[in-house]
């Protein structure tokens, strides 16, 4: 199996750094739903790549990526409690 170019966590960190979420002035600049979706989508892709794109894990990849991205961003879950 080919080693993935980056892990999903590395991608999430890189993207959040790229959009400026690690800078103090970004605290008042939340991401749009579309930007968060794109972060989750990319992280899920890298999770799939890491296991060689074997089928049957798509939902797990997505849910794990979503949890990681939202935790990194401090986005609240639907119930109102932060993840």
Protein backbone atom coordinates (compact mmCIF):
# COMPACT_ATOMS: atom_id res chain seq x y z
CA UNK A 1 0.00 0.00 0.00
CA UNK A 2 1.29 3.45 -0.92
CA UNK A 3 2.00 5.75 2.01
CA UNK A 4 -0.32 8.80 1.95
CA UNK A 5 1.26 12.14 1.23
CA UNK A 6 -0.23 13.64 4.42
CA UNK A 7 -2.42 12.48 7.27
CA UNK A 8 -5.92 13.87 7.71
CA UNK A 9 -4.82 15.66 10.88
CA UNK A 10 -1.92 17.29 9.01
CA UNK A 11 -4.30 18.43 6.29
CA UNK A 12 -6.75 19.87 8.81
CA UNK A 13 -3.96 21.78 10.57
CA UNK A 14 -2.52 23.04 7.28
CA UNK A 15 -5.88 24.26 6.00
CA UNK A 16 -6.87 25.97 9.23
CA UNK A 17 -3.44 27.63 9.32
CA UNK A 18 -3.84 28.65 5.67
CA UNK A 19 -7.19 30.33 6.23
CA UNK A 20 -5.75 32.14 9.24
CA UNK A 21 -7.53 30.36 12.06
CA UNK A 22 -4.38 30.23 14.16
CA UNK A 23 -3.95 34.01 14.11
CA UNK A 24 -5.52 36.10 16.92
CA UNK A 25 -7.39 38.40 14.53
CA UNK A 26 -9.24 35.39 13.07
CA UNK A 27 -11.28 34.92 16.26
CA UNK A 28 -13.95 37.29 14.93
CA UNK A 29 -13.97 35.77 11.46
CA UNK A 30 -15.88 32.48 11.50
CA UNK A 31 -15.78 30.13 8.53
CA UNK A 32 -18.83 29.66 6.37
CA UNK A 33 -20.64 26.33 6.26
CA UNK A 34 -19.18 25.80 2.77
CA UNK A 35 -15.62 26.33 4.05
CA UNK A 36 -16.17 23.89 6.92
CA UNK A 37 -17.65 21.35 4.50
CA UNK A 38 -14.58 21.70 2.26
CA UNK A 39 -12.27 21.10 5.23
CA UNK A 40 -14.19 17.97 6.20
CA UNK A 41 -14.25 16.76 2.61
CA UNK A 42 -10.49 17.10 2.22
CA UNK A 43 -9.74 15.49 5.58
CA UNK A 44 -12.04 12.55 4.71
CA UNK A 45 -10.23 12.13 1.39
CA UNK A 46 -6.88 11.86 3.13
CA UNK A 47 -8.30 9.34 5.58
CA UNK A 48 -9.46 7.21 2.63
CA UNK A 49 -6.10 7.61 0.92
CA UNK A 50 -4.30 6.48 4.09
CA UNK A 51 -6.09 3.12 3.96
CA UNK A 52 -5.70 2.67 0.20
CA UNK A 53 -9.25 3.72 -0.73
CA UNK A 54 -10.62 0.32 0.26
CA UNK A 55 -14.43 0.46 0.06
CA UNK A 56 -16.84 0.26 2.97
CA UNK A 57 -15.31 2.93 5.21
CA UNK A 58 -16.61 6.09 3.57
CA UNK A 59 -19.07 6.98 6.32
CA UNK A 60 -16.51 6.33 9.06
CA UNK A 61 -13.94 8.47 7.23
CA UNK A 62 -16.45 11.30 6.93
CA UNK A 63 -17.61 11.16 10.55
CA UNK A 64 -14.05 11.02 11.88
CA UNK A 65 -12.98 13.90 9.63
CA UNK A 66 -16.02 15.92 10.66
CA UNK A 67 -15.26 15.38 14.37
CA UNK A 68 -11.59 16.31 13.92
CA UNK A 69 -12.30 19.45 11.90
CA UNK A 70 -15.04 20.65 14.22
CA UNK A 71 -12.88 20.00 17.28
CA UNK A 72 -9.99 21.92 15.72
CA UNK A 73 -12.30 24.81 14.81
CA UNK A 74 -14.21 24.76 18.09
CA UNK A 75 -17.49 24.40 16.20
CA UNK A 76 -20.48 23.45 18.31
CA UNK A 77 -22.47 20.30 17.81
CA UNK A 78 -26.20 20.62 17.00
CA UNK A 79 -27.15 20.14 20.68
CA UNK A 80 -25.26 23.32 21.54
CA UNK A 81 -22.35 21.67 23.31
CA UNK A 82 -18.89 22.07 21.84
CA UNK A 83 -17.19 18.91 20.67
